[in-house]
Amino acid sequence: MDTRGIDQMLSELRSVSQTAQNKPVQGGEPAGGVNFSDVLNNALKDVSAAQQEARSMAQDFSAGDPNVNLQDVMVNLQKANLSFQQMVQVRNRLVTAYQDIMNMPV
């Protein structure tokens, strides 16, 4: 079972969180050099890759490939589903934060 993509995304999110908690923003770029848009873009690419891998494994299993077993297919499908749900929640939080900022009196 390969969880490198999810582990990488979690470590990047933890790194961004740690940077946000400990270091001030200077000139629009966090002091640690982590760019939020890059982290978000990488996370989206990881989710997309997980979904494509799961879809490919499912198609291979359906085609009767003897090298693909049902357990791996189901685990990859669940990992892809969980990573997608996580990204949906991140999007929902970002939209809520944007709406809160837009509703602030100036």
C-alpha atoms as a PDB file:
ATOM      1  CA  MET A   1       0.000   0.000   0.000  1.00  0.00           C
ATOM      2  CA  ASP A   2       1.535   3.309  -1.124  1.00  0.00           C
ATOM      3  CA  THR A   3       0.681   6.335   1.034  1.00  0.00           C
ATOM      4  CA  ARG A   4       3.540   8.596  -0.025  1.00  0.00           C
ATOM      5  CA  GLY A   5       1.258  11.117  -1.728  1.00  0.00           C
ATOM      6  CA  ILE A   6      -1.019  11.507   1.275  1.00  0.00           C
ATOM      7  CA  ASP A   7       1.935  11.601   3.668  1.00  0.00           C
ATOM      8  CA  GLN A   8       3.608  14.266   1.533  1.00  0.00           C
ATOM      9  CA  MET A   9       0.451  16.384   1.433  1.00  0.00           C
ATOM     10  CA  LEU A  10       0.003  16.072   5.205  1.00  0.00           C
ATOM     11  CA  SER A  11       3.616  17.028   5.861  1.00  0.00           C
ATOM     12  CA  GLU A  12       3.291  20.049   3.572  1.00  0.00           C
ATOM     13  CA  LEU A  13       0.105  21.144   5.340  1.00  0.00           C
ATOM     14  CA  ARG A  14       1.768  20.673   8.736  1.00  0.00           C
ATOM     15  CA  SER A  15       4.773  22.666   7.533  1.00  0.00           C
ATOM     16  CA  VAL A  16       2.558  25.514   6.369  1.00  0.00           C
ATOM     17  CA  SER A  17       0.650  25.434   9.642  1.00  0.00           C
ATOM     18  CA  GLN A  18       3.870  25.502  11.660  1.00  0.00           C
ATOM     19  CA  THR A  19       5.214  28.346   9.545  1.00  0.00           C
ATOM     20  CA  ALA A  20       2.011  30.330   9.995  1.00  0.00           C
ATOM     21  CA  GLN A  21       2.073  29.854  13.757  1.00  0.00           C
ATOM     22  CA  ASN A  22       5.723  30.676  14.362  1.00  0.00           C
ATOM     23  CA  LYS A  23       6.899  33.098  11.707  1.00  0.00           C
ATOM     24  CA  PRO A  24       5.533  36.462  10.558  1.00  0.00           C
ATOM     25  CA  VAL A  25       4.765  37.172   6.924  1.00  0.00           C
ATOM     26  CA  GLN A  26       7.283  39.454   5.248  1.00  0.00           C
ATOM     27  CA  GLY A  27       6.636  41.005   1.868  1.00  0.00           C
ATOM     28  CA  GLY A  28       3.736  38.699   1.001  1.00  0.00           C
ATOM     29  CA  GLU A  29       5.926  35.597   1.305  1.00  0.00           C
ATOM     30  CA  PRO A  30       6.133  33.575   4.529  1.00  0.00           C
ATOM     31  CA  ALA A  31       9.484  33.819   6.291  1.00  0.00           C
ATOM     32  CA  GLY A  32      10.070  30.087   5.770  1.00  0.00           C
ATOM     33  CA  GLY A  33       9.745  30.427   1.991  1.00  0.00           C
ATOM     34  CA  VAL A  34       6.578  28.328   1.734  1.00  0.00           C
ATOM     35  CA  ASN A  35       4.117  29.672  -0.794  1.00  0.00           C
ATOM     36  CA  PHE A  36       0.489  28.784  -0.013  1.00  0.00           C
ATOM     37  CA  SER A  37      -0.555  28.652  -3.663  1.00  0.00           C
ATOM     38  CA  ASP A  38       2.261  26.191  -4.432  1.00  0.00           C
ATOM     39  CA  VAL A  39       1.275  23.963  -1.514  1.00  0.00           C
ATOM     40  CA  LEU A  40      -2.371  24.057  -2.573  1.00  0.00           C
ATOM     41  CA  ASN A  41      -1.457  23.360  -6.199  1.00  0.00           C
ATOM     42  CA  ASN A  42       0.728  20.399  -5.180  1.00  0.00           C
ATOM     43  CA  ALA A  43      -2.047  19.053  -2.981  1.00  0.00           C
ATOM     44  CA  LEU A  44      -4.521  19.259  -5.872  1.00  0.00           C
ATOM     45  CA  LYS A  45      -2.068  17.470  -8.147  1.00  0.00           C
ATOM     46  CA  ASP A  46      -1.591  14.738  -5.530  1.00  0.00           C
ATOM     47  CA  VAL A  47      -5.354  14.258  -5.226  1.00  0.00           C
ATOM     48  CA  SER A  48      -5.692  14.097  -8.990  1.00  0.00           C
ATOM     49  CA  ALA A  49      -2.852  11.577  -9.247  1.00  0.00           C
ATOM     50  CA  ALA A  50      -4.411   9.404  -6.535  1.00  0.00           C
ATOM     51  CA  GLN A  51      -7.734   9.427  -8.360  1.00  0.00           C
ATOM     52  CA  GLN A  52      -6.105   8.573 -11.684  1.00  0.00           C
ATOM     53  CA  GLU A  53      -4.108   5.735 -10.121  1.00  0.00           C
ATOM     54  CA  ALA A  54      -7.217   4.312  -8.443  1.00  0.00           C
ATOM     55  CA  ARG A  55      -9.209   4.570 -11.672  1.00  0.00           C
ATOM     56  CA  SER A  56      -6.411   2.865 -13.595  1.00  0.00           C
ATOM     57  CA  MET A  57      -6.164   0.040 -11.058  1.00  0.00           C
ATOM     58  CA  ALA A  58      -9.935  -0.451 -11.139  1.00  0.00           C
ATOM     59  CA  GLN A  59      -9.894  -0.657 -14.933  1.00  0.00           C
ATOM     60  CA  ASP A  60      -6.998  -3.116 -14.852  1.00  0.00           C
ATOM     61  CA  PHE A  61      -8.847  -5.272 -12.331  1.00  0.00           C
ATOM     62  CA  SER A  62     -12.028  -5.144 -14.418  1.00  0.00           C
ATOM     63  CA  ALA A  63     -10.028  -6.172 -17.482  1.00  0.00           C
ATOM     64  CA  GLY A  64      -8.821  -9.268 -15.618  1.00  0.00           C
ATOM     65  CA  ASP A  65      -5.189  -8.297 -15.006  1.00  0.00           C
ATOM     66  CA  PRO A  66      -3.776 -11.046 -12.734  1.00  0.00           C
ATOM     67  CA  ASN A  67      -1.263  -8.618 -11.157  1.00  0.00           C
ATOM     68  CA  VAL A  68      -4.009  -6.458  -9.599  1.00  0.00           C
ATOM     69  CA  ASN A  69      -5.961  -7.778  -6.631  1.00  0.00           C
ATOM     70  CA  LEU A  70      -9.258  -6.530  -5.273  1.00  0.00           C
ATOM     71  CA  GLN A  71      -7.835  -5.449  -1.904  1.00  0.00           C
ATOM     72  CA  ASP A  72      -5.353  -3.042  -3.486  1.00  0.00           C
ATOM     73  CA  VAL A  73      -8.033  -1.643  -5.772  1.00  0.00           C
ATOM     74  CA  MET A  74     -10.404  -1.001  -2.863  1.00  0.00           C
ATOM     75  CA  VAL A  75      -7.675   0.567  -0.710  1.00  0.00           C
ATOM     76  CA  ASN A  76      -6.613   2.889  -3.528  1.00  0.00           C
ATOM     77  CA  LEU A  77     -10.206   3.851  -4.250  1.00  0.00           C
ATOM     78  CA  GLN A  78     -10.750   4.704  -0.583  1.00  0.00           C
ATOM     79  CA  LYS A  79      -7.496   6.698  -0.396  1.00  0.00           C
ATOM     80  CA  ALA A  80      -8.522   8.669  -3.477  1.00  0.00           C
ATOM     81  CA  ASN A  81     -11.982   9.263  -2.011  1.00  0.00           C
ATOM     82  CA  LEU A  82     -10.583  10.439   1.334  1.00  0.00           C
ATOM     83  CA  SER A  83      -8.063  12.768  -0.286  1.00  0.00           C
ATOM     84  CA  PHE A  84     -10.821  14.252  -2.459  1.00  0.00           C
ATOM     85  CA  GLN A  85     -13.079  14.755   0.564  1.00  0.00           C
ATOM     86  CA  GLN A  86     -10.212  16.447   2.380  1.00  0.00           C
ATOM     87  CA  MET A  87      -9.664  18.855  -0.509  1.00  0.00           C
ATOM     88  CA  VAL A  88     -13.396  19.628  -0.601  1.00  0.00           C
ATOM     89  CA  GLN A  89     -13.254  20.515   3.096  1.00  0.00           C
ATOM     90  CA  VAL A  90     -10.205  22.735   2.510  1.00  0.00           C
ATOM     91  CA  ARG A  91     -12.082  24.467  -0.306  1.00  0.00           C
ATOM     92  CA  ASN A  92     -15.121  24.942   1.935  1.00  0.00           C
ATOM     93  CA  ARG A  93     -12.964  26.489   4.662  1.00  0.00           C
ATOM     94  CA  LEU A  94     -11.301  28.814   2.151  1.00  0.00           C
ATOM     95  CA  VAL A  95     -14.675  29.934   0.785  1.00  0.00           C
ATOM     96  CA  THR A  96     -15.949  30.545   4.319  1.00  0.00           C
ATOM     97  CA  ALA A  97     -12.831  32.561   5.173  1.00  0.00           C
ATOM     98  CA  TYR A  98     -13.224  34.601   1.984  1.00  0.00           C
ATOM     99  CA  GLN A  99     -16.891  35.301   2.758  1.00  0.00           C
ATOM    100  CA  ASP A 100     -16.006  36.345   6.320  1.00  0.00           C
ATOM    101  CA  ILE A 101     -13.366  38.743   5.040  1.00  0.00           C
ATOM    102  CA  MET A 102     -15.724  40.183   2.414  1.00  0.00           C
ATOM    103  CA  ASN A 103     -18.397  40.768   5.084  1.00  0.00           C
ATOM    104  CA  MET A 104     -16.074  42.725   7.361  1.00  0.00           C
ATOM    105  CA  PRO A 105     -16.871  46.407   7.620  1.00  0.00           C
ATOM    106  CA  VAL A 106     -14.247  48.662   6.116  1.00  0.00           C
END
